[in-house]
PDB file of all heavy atoms in Angstrom:
ATOM      1  N   ARG A   1      33.464 143.827 -44.881  1.00  0.00           N
ATOM      2  CA  ARG A   1      33.068 142.518 -45.496  1.00  0.00           C
ATOM      3  C   ARG A   1      34.355 141.736 -45.944  1.00  0.00           C
ATOM      4  O   ARG A   1      35.394 142.341 -46.361  1.00  0.00           O
ATOM      5  CB  ARG A   1      32.161 142.619 -46.734  1.00  0.00           C
ATOM      6  CG  ARG A   1      30.806 143.136 -46.283  1.00  0.00           C
ATOM      7  CD  ARG A   1      29.849 142.974 -47.408  1.00  0.00           C
ATOM      8  NE  ARG A   1      28.473 143.202 -47.049  1.00  0.00           N
ATOM      9  CZ  ARG A   1      27.387 143.015 -47.744  1.00  0.00           C
ATOM     10  NH1 ARG A   1      27.519 142.633 -49.066  1.00  0.00           N
ATOM     11  NH2 ARG A   1      26.202 143.333 -47.313  1.00  0.00           N
ATOM     12  N   CYS A   2      34.185 140.318 -45.959  1.00  0.00           N
ATOM     13  CA  CYS A   2      35.143 139.467 -46.606  1.00  0.00           C
ATOM     14  C   CYS A   2      34.435 138.491 -47.549  1.00  0.00           C
ATOM     15  O   CYS A   2      33.346 138.007 -47.256  1.00  0.00           O
ATOM     16  CB  CYS A   2      35.785 138.716 -45.393  1.00  0.00           C
ATOM     17  SG  CYS A   2      36.941 137.458 -46.029  1.00  0.00           S
ATOM     18  N   SER A   3      35.091 138.308 -48.646  1.00  0.00           N
ATOM     19  CA  SER A   3      34.475 137.405 -49.691  1.00  0.00           C
ATOM     20  C   SER A   3      35.562 136.416 -50.222  1.00  0.00           C
ATOM     21  O   SER A   3      36.743 136.789 -50.350  1.00  0.00           O
ATOM     22  CB  SER A   3      33.909 138.179 -50.885  1.00  0.00           C
ATOM     23  OG  SER A   3      32.975 139.131 -50.547  1.00  0.00           O
ATOM     24  N   ILE A   4      35.122 135.209 -50.324  1.00  0.00           N
ATOM     25  CA  ILE A   4      36.089 134.156 -50.885  1.00  0.00           C
ATOM     26  C   ILE A   4      35.538 133.627 -52.173  1.00  0.00           C
ATOM     27  O   ILE A   4      34.378 133.158 -52.342  1.00  0.00           O
ATOM     28  CB  ILE A   4      36.141 132.995 -49.934  1.00  0.00           C
ATOM     29  CG1 ILE A   4      36.755 133.517 -48.551  1.00  0.00           C
ATOM     30  CG2 ILE A   4      37.136 131.877 -50.573  1.00  0.00           C
ATOM     31  CD1 ILE A   4      36.750 132.378 -47.531  1.00  0.00           C
ATOM     32  N   PHE A   5      36.346 133.800 -53.291  1.00  0.00           N
ATOM     33  CA  PHE A   5      35.999 133.327 -54.586  1.00  0.00           C
ATOM     34  C   PHE A   5      36.737 132.136 -55.042  1.00  0.00           C
ATOM     35  O   PHE A   5      37.951 131.955 -54.609  1.00  0.00           O
ATOM     36  CB  PHE A   5      36.249 134.610 -55.576  1.00  0.00           C
ATOM     37  CG  PHE A   5      35.370 135.799 -55.367  1.00  0.00           C
ATOM     38  CD1 PHE A   5      35.728 136.710 -54.510  1.00  0.00           C
ATOM     39  CD2 PHE A   5      34.093 135.761 -56.197  1.00  0.00           C
ATOM     40  CE1 PHE A   5      34.833 137.816 -54.378  1.00  0.00           C
ATOM     41  CE2 PHE A   5      33.309 136.886 -55.991  1.00  0.00           C
ATOM     42  CZ  PHE A   5      33.655 137.957 -55.105  1.00  0.00           C
ATOM     43  N   ILE A   6      36.164 131.368 -55.826  1.00  0.00           N
ATOM     44  CA  ILE A   6      36.742 130.124 -56.415  1.00  0.00           C
ATOM     45  C   ILE A   6      36.631 130.146 -57.865  1.00  0.00           C
ATOM     46  O   ILE A   6      35.635 130.570 -58.404  1.00  0.00           O
ATOM     47  CB  ILE A   6      36.029 128.899 -55.857  1.00  0.00           C
ATOM     48  CG1 ILE A   6      36.308 128.751 -54.319  1.00  0.00           C
ATOM     49  CG2 ILE A   6      36.531 127.582 -56.593  1.00  0.00           C
ATOM     50  CD1 ILE A   6      35.610 127.552 -53.701  1.00  0.00           C
ATOM     51  N   VAL A   7      37.740 129.721 -58.552  1.00  0.00           N
ATOM     52  CA  VAL A   7      37.785 129.661 -59.976  1.00  0.00           C
ATOM     53  C   VAL A   7      37.026 128.342 -60.411  1.00  0.00           C
ATOM     54  O   VAL A   7      37.485 127.241 -59.840  1.00  0.00           O
ATOM     55  CB  VAL A   7      39.200 129.628 -60.548  1.00  0.00           C
ATOM     56  CG1 VAL A   7      39.165 129.548 -62.086  1.00  0.00           C
ATOM     57  CG2 VAL A   7      39.847 130.961 -60.145  1.00  0.00           C
ATOM     58  N   GLU A   8      36.091 128.356 -61.227  1.00  0.00           N
ATOM     59  CA  GLU A   8      35.471 127.137 -61.741  1.00  0.00           C
ATOM     60  C   GLU A   8      36.501 126.298 -62.408  1.00  0.00           C
ATOM     61  O   GLU A   8      37.491 126.802 -62.996  1.00  0.00           O
ATOM     62  CB  GLU A   8      34.354 127.514 -62.749  1.00  0.00           C
ATOM     63  CG  GLU A   8      33.490 126.400 -63.130  1.00  0.00           C
ATOM     64  CD  GLU A   8      32.429 126.837 -64.146  1.00  0.00           C
ATOM     65  OE1 GLU A   8      32.773 127.540 -65.057  1.00  0.00           O
ATOM     66  OE2 GLU A   8      31.295 126.406 -64.094  1.00  0.00           O
ATOM     67  N   ARG A   9      36.289 124.984 -62.390  1.00  0.00           N
ATOM     68  CA  ARG A   9      37.371 124.061 -62.889  1.00  0.00           C
ATOM     69  C   ARG A   9      37.612 124.326 -64.386  1.00  0.00           C
ATOM     70  O   ARG A   9      38.639 123.971 -64.882  1.00  0.00           O
ATOM     71  CB  ARG A   9      36.970 122.602 -62.614  1.00  0.00           C
ATOM     72  CG  ARG A   9      37.060 122.191 -61.207  1.00  0.00           C
ATOM     73  CD  ARG A   9      36.772 120.780 -60.963  1.00  0.00           C
ATOM     74  NE  ARG A   9      35.332 120.549 -61.288  1.00  0.00           N
ATOM     75  CZ  ARG A   9      34.785 119.325 -61.493  1.00  0.00           C
ATOM     76  NH1 ARG A   9      35.498 118.253 -61.369  1.00  0.00           N
ATOM     77  NH2 ARG A   9      33.524 119.278 -61.719  1.00  0.00           N
ATOM     78  N   SER A  10      36.630 124.727 -65.124  1.00  0.00           N
ATOM     79  CA  SER A  10      36.896 125.149 -66.562  1.00  0.00           C
ATOM     80  C   SER A  10      37.891 126.218 -66.712  1.00  0.00           C
ATOM     81  O   SER A  10      38.439 126.396 -67.712  1.00  0.00           O
ATOM     82  CB  SER A  10      35.557 125.431 -67.263  1.00  0.00           C
ATOM     83  OG  SER A  10      35.058 126.579 -66.741  1.00  0.00           O
ATOM     84  N   GLY A  11      37.946 127.037 -65.683  1.00  0.00           N
ATOM     85  CA  GLY A  11      38.792 128.188 -65.623  1.00  0.00           C
ATOM     86  C   GLY A  11      38.205 129.487 -66.246  1.00  0.00           C
ATOM     87  O   GLY A  11      38.854 130.534 -66.249  1.00  0.00           O
ATOM     88  N   GLN A  12      36.966 129.465 -66.646  1.00  0.00           N
ATOM     89  CA  GLN A  12      36.346 130.543 -67.436  1.00  0.00           C
ATOM     90  C   GLN A  12      35.517 131.491 -66.385  1.00  0.00           C
ATOM     91  O   GLN A  12      35.325 132.616 -66.755  1.00  0.00           O
ATOM     92  CB  GLN A  12      35.473 130.037 -68.507  1.00  0.00           C
ATOM     93  CG  GLN A  12      36.234 129.397 -69.607  1.00  0.00           C
ATOM     94  CD  GLN A  12      37.343 130.168 -70.117  1.00  0.00           C
ATOM     95  OE1 GLN A  12      37.210 131.257 -70.552  1.00  0.00           O
ATOM     96  NE2 GLN A  12      38.598 129.564 -70.136  1.00  0.00           N
ATOM     97  N   SER A  13      34.905 130.862 -65.336  1.00  0.00           N
ATOM     98  CA  SER A  13      34.122 131.637 -64.423  1.00  0.00           C
ATOM     99  C   SER A  13      34.718 131.652 -63.029  1.00  0.00           C
ATOM    100  O   SER A  13      35.452 130.746 -62.617  1.00  0.00           O
ATOM    101  CB  SER A  13      32.800 130.993 -64.388  1.00  0.00           C
ATOM    102  OG  SER A  13      32.090 131.109 -65.666  1.00  0.00           O
ATOM    103  N   ILE A  14      34.418 132.745 -62.365  1.00  0.00           N
ATOM    104  CA  ILE A  14      34.735 132.895 -60.965  1.00  0.00           C
ATOM    105  C   ILE A  14      33.493 133.034 -60.167  1.00  0.00           C
ATOM    106  O   ILE A  14      32.675 133.946 -60.488  1.00  0.00           O
ATOM    107  CB  ILE A  14      35.722 134.094 -60.746  1.00  0.00           C
ATOM    108  CG1 ILE A  14      36.928 133.914 -61.604  1.00  0.00           C
ATOM    109  CG2 ILE A  14      36.000 134.245 -59.358  1.00  0.00           C
ATOM    110  CD1 ILE A  14      37.701 135.239 -61.824  1.00  0.00           C
ATOM    111  N   TRP A  15      33.306 132.286 -59.085  1.00  0.00           N
ATOM    112  CA  TRP A  15      32.018 132.383 -58.395  1.00  0.00           C
ATOM    113  C   TRP A  15      32.300 132.557 -56.853  1.00  0.00           C
ATOM    114  O   TRP A  15      33.336 132.091 -56.290  1.00  0.00           O
ATOM    115  CB  TRP A  15      31.069 131.389 -58.634  1.00  0.00           C
ATOM    116  CG  TRP A  15      31.564 129.956 -58.572  1.00  0.00           C
ATOM    117  CD1 TRP A  15      32.186 129.298 -59.523  1.00  0.00           C
ATOM    118  CD2 TRP A  15      31.436 129.068 -57.486  1.00  0.00           C
ATOM    119  NE1 TRP A  15      32.479 128.012 -59.069  1.00  0.00           N
ATOM    120  CE2 TRP A  15      32.009 127.829 -57.823  1.00  0.00           C
ATOM    121  CE3 TRP A  15      30.884 129.165 -56.125  1.00  0.00           C
ATOM    122  CZ2 TRP A  15      32.073 126.765 -56.902  1.00  0.00           C
ATOM    123  CZ3 TRP A  15      30.961 128.035 -55.347  1.00  0.00           C
ATOM    124  CH2 TRP A  15      31.579 126.850 -55.779  1.00  0.00           C
ATOM    125  N   LEU A  16      31.448 133.227 -56.154  1.00  0.00           N
ATOM    126  CA  LEU A  16      31.502 133.419 -54.760  1.00  0.00           C
ATOM    127  C   LEU A  16      31.218 132.140 -54.040  1.00  0.00           C
ATOM    128  O   LEU A  16      30.164 131.556 -54.269  1.00  0.00           O
ATOM    129  CB  LEU A  16      30.482 134.526 -54.370  1.00  0.00           C
ATOM    130  CG  LEU A  16      30.521 134.842 -52.781  1.00  0.00           C
ATOM    131  CD1 LEU A  16      31.693 135.714 -52.462  1.00  0.00           C
ATOM    132  CD2 LEU A  16      29.216 135.502 -52.411  1.00  0.00           C
ATOM    133  N   ARG A  17      32.116 131.752 -53.235  1.00  0.00           N
ATOM    134  CA  ARG A  17      31.964 130.524 -52.345  1.00  0.00           C
ATOM    135  C   ARG A  17      31.371 130.822 -51.083  1.00  0.00           C
ATOM    136  O   ARG A  17      30.619 130.111 -50.515  1.00  0.00           O
ATOM    137  CB  ARG A  17      33.299 129.716 -52.204  1.00  0.00           C
ATOM    138  CG  ARG A  17      33.107 128.350 -51.579  1.00  0.00           C
ATOM    139  CD  ARG A  17      32.283 127.412 -52.537  1.00  0.00           C
ATOM    140  NE  ARG A  17      31.984 126.141 -51.825  1.00  0.00           N
ATOM    141  CZ  ARG A  17      30.924 125.923 -50.993  1.00  0.00           C
ATOM    142  NH1 ARG A  17      30.097 126.931 -50.738  1.00  0.00           N
ATOM    143  NH2 ARG A  17      30.682 124.686 -50.527  1.00  0.00           N
ATOM    144  N   ALA A  18      31.827 131.954 -50.469  1.00  0.00           N
ATOM    145  CA  ALA A  18      31.333 132.414 -49.153  1.00  0.00           C
ATOM    146  C   ALA A  18      31.592 133.926 -48.998  1.00  0.00           C
ATOM    147  O   ALA A  18      32.638 134.400 -49.506  1.00  0.00           O
ATOM    148  CB  ALA A  18      32.007 131.695 -47.975  1.00  0.00           C
ATOM    149  N   GLY A  19      30.622 134.631 -48.427  1.00  0.00           N
ATOM    150  CA  GLY A  19      30.813 136.106 -48.352  1.00  0.00           C
ATOM    151  C   GLY A  19      30.043 136.677 -47.185  1.00  0.00           C
ATOM    152  O   GLY A  19      28.866 136.114 -46.943  1.00  0.00           O
ATOM    153  N   THR A  20      30.478 137.706 -46.665  1.00  0.00           N
ATOM    154  CA  THR A  20      29.707 138.381 -45.546  1.00  0.00           C
ATOM    155  C   THR A  20      28.397 138.903 -46.061  1.00  0.00           C
ATOM    156  O   THR A  20      28.397 139.723 -46.980  1.00  0.00           O
ATOM    157  CB  THR A  20      30.479 139.557 -44.930  1.00  0.00           C
ATOM    158  OG1 THR A  20      31.802 139.138 -44.589  1.00  0.00           O
ATOM    159  CG2 THR A  20      29.767 140.195 -43.744  1.00  0.00           C
ATOM    160  N   GLY A  21      27.294 138.435 -45.494  1.00  0.00           N
ATOM    161  CA  GLY A  21      25.978 138.850 -45.915  1.00  0.00           C
ATOM    162  C   GLY A  21      25.568 138.344 -47.227  1.00  0.00           C
ATOM    163  O   GLY A  21      24.491 138.783 -47.765  1.00  0.00           O
ATOM    164  N   LEU A  22      26.244 137.313 -47.870  1.00  0.00           N
ATOM    165  CA  LEU A  22      25.924 136.787 -49.143  1.00  0.00           C
ATOM    166  C   LEU A  22      25.871 135.181 -49.066  1.00  0.00           C
ATOM    167  O   LEU A  22      26.422 134.669 -48.186  1.00  0.00           O
ATOM    168  CB  LEU A  22      26.993 137.197 -50.183  1.00  0.00           C
ATOM    169  CG  LEU A  22      27.066 138.686 -50.471  1.00  0.00           C
ATOM    170  CD1 LEU A  22      28.271 139.037 -51.287  1.00  0.00           C
ATOM    171  CD2 LEU A  22      25.750 139.233 -51.106  1.00  0.00           C
ATOM    172  N   LYS A  23      25.163 134.673 -50.078  1.00  0.00           N
ATOM    173  CA  LYS A  23      25.162 133.123 -50.201  1.00  0.00           C
ATOM    174  C   LYS A  23      26.117 132.768 -51.306  1.00  0.00           C
ATOM    175  O   LYS A  23      26.389 133.453 -52.199  1.00  0.00           O
ATOM    176  CB  LYS A  23      23.784 132.701 -50.536  1.00  0.00           C
ATOM    177  CG  LYS A  23      22.699 133.113 -49.449  1.00  0.00           C
ATOM    178  CD  LYS A  23      21.269 132.672 -49.827  1.00  0.00           C
ATOM    179  CE  LYS A  23      20.310 133.058 -48.762  1.00  0.00           C
ATOM    180  NZ  LYS A  23      18.837 132.679 -49.264  1.00  0.00           N
ATOM    181  N   ALA A  24      26.455 131.514 -51.183  1.00  0.00           N
ATOM    182  CA  ALA A  24      27.290 130.896 -52.271  1.00  0.00           C
ATOM    183  C   ALA A  24      26.671 131.120 -53.672  1.00  0.00           C
ATOM    184  O   ALA A  24      25.515 130.882 -53.771  1.00  0.00           O
ATOM    185  CB  ALA A  24      27.523 129.404 -52.033  1.00  0.00           C
ATOM    186  N   LYS A  25      27.549 131.535 -54.638  1.00  0.00           N
ATOM    187  CA  LYS A  25      27.111 131.778 -55.926  1.00  0.00           C
ATOM    188  C   LYS A  25      26.165 132.939 -56.161  1.00  0.00           C
ATOM    189  O   LYS A  25      25.542 133.047 -57.164  1.00  0.00           O
ATOM    190  CB  LYS A  25      26.430 130.464 -56.550  1.00  0.00           C
ATOM    191  CG  LYS A  25      27.516 129.350 -56.656  1.00  0.00           C
ATOM    192  CD  LYS A  25      27.004 128.232 -57.545  1.00  0.00           C
ATOM    193  CE  LYS A  25      28.113 127.199 -57.824  1.00  0.00           C
ATOM    194  NZ  LYS A  25      27.684 126.071 -58.674  1.00  0.00           N
ATOM    195  N   ASP A  26      26.030 133.835 -55.143  1.00  0.00           N
ATOM    196  CA  ASP A  26      25.352 135.023 -55.344  1.00  0.00           C
ATOM    197  C   ASP A  26      26.033 135.854 -56.372  1.00  0.00           C
ATOM    198  O   ASP A  26      25.367 136.843 -57.045  1.00  0.00           O
ATOM    199  CB  ASP A  26      25.188 135.787 -54.017  1.00  0.00           C
ATOM    200  CG  ASP A  26      23.948 135.454 -53.247  1.00  0.00           C
ATOM    201  OD1 ASP A  26      23.168 134.544 -53.702  1.00  0.00           O
ATOM    202  OD2 ASP A  26      23.753 135.939 -52.104  1.00  0.00           O
ATOM    203  N   ILE A  27      27.317 135.763 -56.523  1.00  0.00           N
ATOM    204  CA  ILE A  27      28.162 136.489 -57.457  1.00  0.00           C
ATOM    205  C   ILE A  27      28.828 135.526 -58.379  1.00  0.00           C
ATOM    206  O   ILE A  27      29.541 134.611 -57.888  1.00  0.00           O
ATOM    207  CB  ILE A  27      29.134 137.437 -56.805  1.00  0.00           C
ATOM    208  CG1 ILE A  27      28.486 138.424 -55.815  1.00  0.00           C
ATOM    209  CG2 ILE A  27      30.041 138.184 -57.758  1.00  0.00           C
ATOM    210  CD1 ILE A  27      29.356 139.272 -54.866  1.00  0.00           C
ATOM    211  N   GLU A  28      28.692 135.697 -59.724  1.00  0.00           N
ATOM    212  CA  GLU A  28      29.500 134.880 -60.625  1.00  0.00           C
ATOM    213  C   GLU A  28      30.003 135.888 -61.656  1.00  0.00           C
ATOM    214  O   GLU A  28      29.344 136.666 -62.177  1.00  0.00           O
ATOM    215  CB  GLU A  28      28.639 133.852 -61.305  1.00  0.00           C
ATOM    216  CG  GLU A  28      29.388 132.913 -62.207  1.00  0.00           C
ATOM    217  CD  GLU A  28      28.575 131.691 -62.652  1.00  0.00           C
ATOM    218  OE1 GLU A  28      27.388 131.594 -62.140  1.00  0.00           O
ATOM    219  OE2 GLU A  28      29.159 130.859 -63.398  1.00  0.00           O
ATOM    220  N   ILE A  29      31.306 135.812 -61.918  1.00  0.00           N
ATOM    221  CA  ILE A  29      32.010 136.751 -62.716  1.00  0.00           C
ATOM    222  C   ILE A  29      32.836 135.984 -63.799  1.00  0.00           C
ATOM    223  O   ILE A  29      33.418 134.977 -63.499  1.00  0.00           O
ATOM    224  CB  ILE A  29      32.946 137.677 -61.887  1.00  0.00           C
ATOM    225  CG1 ILE A  29      32.142 138.395 -60.813  1.00  0.00           C
ATOM    226  CG2 ILE A  29      33.693 138.685 -62.798  1.00  0.00           C
ATOM    227  CD1 ILE A  29      33.044 139.079 -59.789  1.00  0.00           C
ATOM    228  N   ASP A  30      32.903 136.517 -64.956  1.00  0.00           N
ATOM    229  CA  ASP A  30      33.787 135.957 -66.022  1.00  0.00           C
ATOM    230  C   ASP A  30      35.204 136.205 -65.648  1.00  0.00           C
ATOM    231  O   ASP A  30      35.537 137.288 -65.181  1.00  0.00           O
ATOM    232  CB  ASP A  30      33.259 136.563 -67.418  1.00  0.00           C
ATOM    233  CG  ASP A  30      34.052 135.865 -68.579  1.00  0.00           C
ATOM    234  OD1 ASP A  30      33.645 134.874 -69.099  1.00  0.00           O
ATOM    235  OD2 ASP A  30      35.134 136.305 -68.801  1.00  0.00           O
ATOM    236  N   ARG A  31      36.082 135.236 -65.954  1.00  0.00           N
ATOM    237  CA  ARG A  31      37.467 135.468 -65.657  1.00  0.00           C
ATOM    238  C   ARG A  31      38.057 136.715 -66.354  1.00  0.00           C
ATOM    239  O   ARG A  31      39.044 137.359 -65.882  1.00  0.00           O
ATOM    240  CB  ARG A  31      38.251 134.216 -66.087  1.00  0.00           C
ATOM    241  CG  ARG A  31      39.703 134.209 -65.770  1.00  0.00           C
ATOM    242  CD  ARG A  31      40.402 133.015 -66.447  1.00  0.00           C
ATOM    243  NE  ARG A  31      41.814 132.971 -66.055  1.00  0.00           N
ATOM    244  CZ  ARG A  31      42.328 132.285 -65.009  1.00  0.00           C
ATOM    245  NH1 ARG A  31      41.497 131.518 -64.285  1.00  0.00           N
ATOM    246  NH2 ARG A  31      43.608 132.320 -64.770  1.00  0.00           N
ATOM    247  N   HIS A  32      37.502 137.107 -67.480  1.00  0.00           N
ATOM    248  CA  HIS A  32      37.994 138.202 -68.379  1.00  0.00           C
ATOM    249  C   HIS A  32      37.261 139.560 -68.102  1.00  0.00           C
ATOM    250  O   HIS A  32      37.485 140.458 -68.759  1.00  0.00           O
ATOM    251  CB  HIS A  32      38.158 137.903 -69.709  1.00  0.00           C
ATOM    252  CG  HIS A  32      38.884 136.584 -70.056  1.00  0.00           C
ATOM    253  ND1 HIS A  32      40.265 136.579 -70.077  1.00  0.00           N
ATOM    254  CD2 HIS A  32      38.482 135.340 -70.404  1.00  0.00           C
ATOM    255  CE1 HIS A  32      40.690 135.379 -70.263  1.00  0.00           C
ATOM    256  NE2 HIS A  32      39.625 134.557 -70.537  1.00  0.00           N
ATOM    257  N   ALA A  33      36.385 139.553 -67.034  1.00  0.00           N
ATOM    258  CA  ALA A  33      35.587 140.618 -66.770  1.00  0.00           C
ATOM    259  C   ALA A  33      36.445 141.736 -66.181  1.00  0.00           C
ATOM    260  O   ALA A  33      37.449 141.604 -65.698  1.00  0.00           O
ATOM    261  CB  ALA A  33      34.426 140.263 -65.810  1.00  0.00           C
ATOM    262  N   ASP A  34      35.786 143.016 -66.249  1.00  0.00           N
ATOM    263  CA  ASP A  34      36.362 144.181 -65.661  1.00  0.00           C
ATOM    264  C   ASP A  34      36.056 144.236 -64.205  1.00  0.00           C
ATOM    265  O   ASP A  34      35.205 144.962 -63.735  1.00  0.00           O
ATOM    266  CB  ASP A  34      35.979 145.430 -66.388  1.00  0.00           C
ATOM    267  CG  ASP A  34      36.599 146.707 -65.836  1.00  0.00           C
ATOM    268  OD1 ASP A  34      37.599 146.597 -65.142  1.00  0.00           O
ATOM    269  OD2 ASP A  34      36.045 147.721 -65.994  1.00  0.00           O
ATOM    270  N   ALA A  35      36.791 143.383 -63.352  1.00  0.00           N
ATOM    271  CA  ALA A  35      36.569 143.257 -61.944  1.00  0.00           C
ATOM    272  C   ALA A  35      37.848 143.063 -61.274  1.00  0.00           C
ATOM    273  O   ALA A  35      38.773 142.410 -61.818  1.00  0.00           O
ATOM    274  CB  ALA A  35      35.587 142.030 -61.722  1.00  0.00           C
ATOM    275  N   VAL A  36      37.960 143.526 -60.042  1.00  0.00           N
ATOM    276  CA  VAL A  36      39.272 143.386 -59.317  1.00  0.00           C
ATOM    277  C   VAL A  36      39.615 141.967 -59.128  1.00  0.00           C
ATOM    278  O   VAL A  36      40.683 141.554 -59.255  1.00  0.00           O
ATOM    279  CB  VAL A  36      39.041 144.174 -57.940  1.00  0.00           C
ATOM    280  CG1 VAL A  36      40.305 143.934 -57.064  1.00  0.00           C
ATOM    281  CG2 VAL A  36      38.773 145.591 -58.164  1.00  0.00           C
ATOM    282  N   VAL A  37      38.569 141.127 -58.739  1.00  0.00           N
ATOM    283  CA  VAL A  37      38.873 139.692 -58.474  1.00  0.00           C
ATOM    284  C   VAL A  37      39.385 138.993 -59.698  1.00  0.00           C
ATOM    285  O   VAL A  37      40.312 138.174 -59.709  1.00  0.00           O
ATOM    286  CB  VAL A  37      37.645 139.009 -57.838  1.00  0.00           C
ATOM    287  CG1 VAL A  37      36.490 138.933 -58.850  1.00  0.00           C
ATOM    288  CG2 VAL A  37      38.069 137.613 -57.336  1.00  0.00           C
ATOM    289  N   SER A  38      38.746 139.314 -60.942  1.00  0.00           N
ATOM    290  CA  SER A  38      39.212 138.804 -62.158  1.00  0.00           C
ATOM    291  C   SER A  38      40.618 139.184 -62.515  1.00  0.00           C
ATOM    292  O   SER A  38      41.413 138.309 -62.871  1.00  0.00           O
ATOM    293  CB  SER A  38      38.266 139.254 -63.347  1.00  0.00           C
ATOM    294  OG  SER A  38      36.924 138.789 -63.130  1.00  0.00           O
ATOM    295  N   GLU A  39      40.920 140.391 -62.308  1.00  0.00           N
ATOM    296  CA  GLU A  39      42.268 140.900 -62.563  1.00  0.00           C
ATOM    297  C   GLU A  39      43.267 140.310 -61.592  1.00  0.00           C
ATOM    298  O   GLU A  39      44.375 139.890 -62.014  1.00  0.00           O
ATOM    299  CB  GLU A  39      42.315 142.411 -62.408  1.00  0.00           C
ATOM    300  CG  GLU A  39      43.671 143.141 -62.673  1.00  0.00           C
ATOM    301  CD  GLU A  39      43.704 144.586 -62.560  1.00  0.00           C
ATOM    302  OE1 GLU A  39      42.640 145.121 -62.304  1.00  0.00           O
ATOM    303  OE2 GLU A  39      44.855 145.130 -62.533  1.00  0.00           O
ATOM    304  N   CYS A  40      42.925 140.113 -60.323  1.00  0.00           N
ATOM    305  CA  CYS A  40      43.802 139.501 -59.327  1.00  0.00           C
ATOM    306  C   CYS A  40      44.137 138.019 -59.737  1.00  0.00           C
ATOM    307  O   CYS A  40      45.231 137.665 -59.659  1.00  0.00           O
ATOM    308  CB  CYS A  40      43.056 139.522 -57.932  1.00  0.00           C
ATOM    309  SG  CYS A  40      43.968 138.512 -56.659  1.00  0.00           S
ATOM    310  N   ILE A  41      43.005 137.321 -60.121  1.00  0.00           N
ATOM    311  CA  ILE A  41      43.212 135.916 -60.457  1.00  0.00           C
ATOM    312  C   ILE A  41      44.049 135.796 -61.820  1.00  0.00           C
ATOM    313  O   ILE A  41      44.888 134.858 -61.902  1.00  0.00           O
ATOM    314  CB  ILE A  41      41.838 135.205 -60.606  1.00  0.00           C
ATOM    315  CG1 ILE A  41      41.329 135.063 -59.229  1.00  0.00           C
ATOM    316  CG2 ILE A  41      41.885 133.914 -61.352  1.00  0.00           C
ATOM    317  CD1 ILE A  41      39.882 134.539 -59.136  1.00  0.00           C
ATOM    318  N   ARG A  42      43.734 136.667 -62.824  1.00  0.00           N
ATOM    319  CA  ARG A  42      44.544 136.581 -64.069  1.00  0.00           C
ATOM    320  C   ARG A  42      46.026 136.892 -63.810  1.00  0.00           C
ATOM    321  O   ARG A  42      46.819 136.257 -64.374  1.00  0.00           O
ATOM    322  CB  ARG A  42      43.934 137.551 -65.010  1.00  0.00           C
ATOM    323  CG  ARG A  42      42.689 137.183 -65.639  1.00  0.00           C
ATOM    324  CD  ARG A  42      42.355 138.027 -66.947  1.00  0.00           C
ATOM    325  NE  ARG A  42      42.411 139.487 -66.658  1.00  0.00           N
ATOM    326  CZ  ARG A  42      41.412 140.313 -66.336  1.00  0.00           C
ATOM    327  NH1 ARG A  42      40.216 139.790 -66.137  1.00  0.00           N
ATOM    328  NH2 ARG A  42      41.637 141.572 -66.128  1.00  0.00           N
ATOM    329  N   SER A  43      46.294 137.877 -62.983  1.00  0.00           N
ATOM    330  CA  SER A  43      47.724 138.258 -62.850  1.00  0.00           C
ATOM    331  C   SER A  43      48.490 137.484 -61.713  1.00  0.00           C
ATOM    332  O   SER A  43      49.699 137.380 -61.706  1.00  0.00           O
ATOM    333  CB  SER A  43      47.744 139.794 -62.345  1.00  0.00           C
ATOM    334  OG  SER A  43      47.178 140.003 -61.150  1.00  0.00           O
ATOM    335  N   GLY A  44      47.669 136.918 -60.800  1.00  0.00           N
ATOM    336  CA  GLY A  44      48.179 136.152 -59.651  1.00  0.00           C
ATOM    337  C   GLY A  44      48.872 137.194 -58.685  1.00  0.00           C
ATOM    338  O   GLY A  44      49.714 136.793 -57.857  1.00  0.00           O
ATOM    339  N   GLU A  45      48.528 138.436 -58.733  1.00  0.00           N
ATOM    340  CA  GLU A  45      49.166 139.494 -57.767  1.00  0.00           C
ATOM    341  C   GLU A  45      48.110 140.011 -56.816  1.00  0.00           C
ATOM    342  O   GLU A  45      46.914 140.099 -57.145  1.00  0.00           O
ATOM    343  CB  GLU A  45      49.593 140.597 -58.703  1.00  0.00           C
ATOM    344  CG  GLU A  45      50.707 140.300 -59.683  1.00  0.00           C
ATOM    345  CD  GLU A  45      52.034 139.828 -59.086  1.00  0.00           C
ATOM    346  OE1 GLU A  45      52.240 140.231 -57.824  1.00  0.00           O
ATOM    347  OE2 GLU A  45      52.749 139.006 -59.702  1.00  0.00           O
TER     348      GLU A  45
END
């Protein structure tokens, strides 16, 4: 699978824009959540 996430303009939420087998916004994660995508976006690494 491949997923593309976008940071909401407020900077507080991260939501799925497109994903294999998923629809846009099927996944929404807080920027500070215990999630790999959140950690990646916070660290920029």
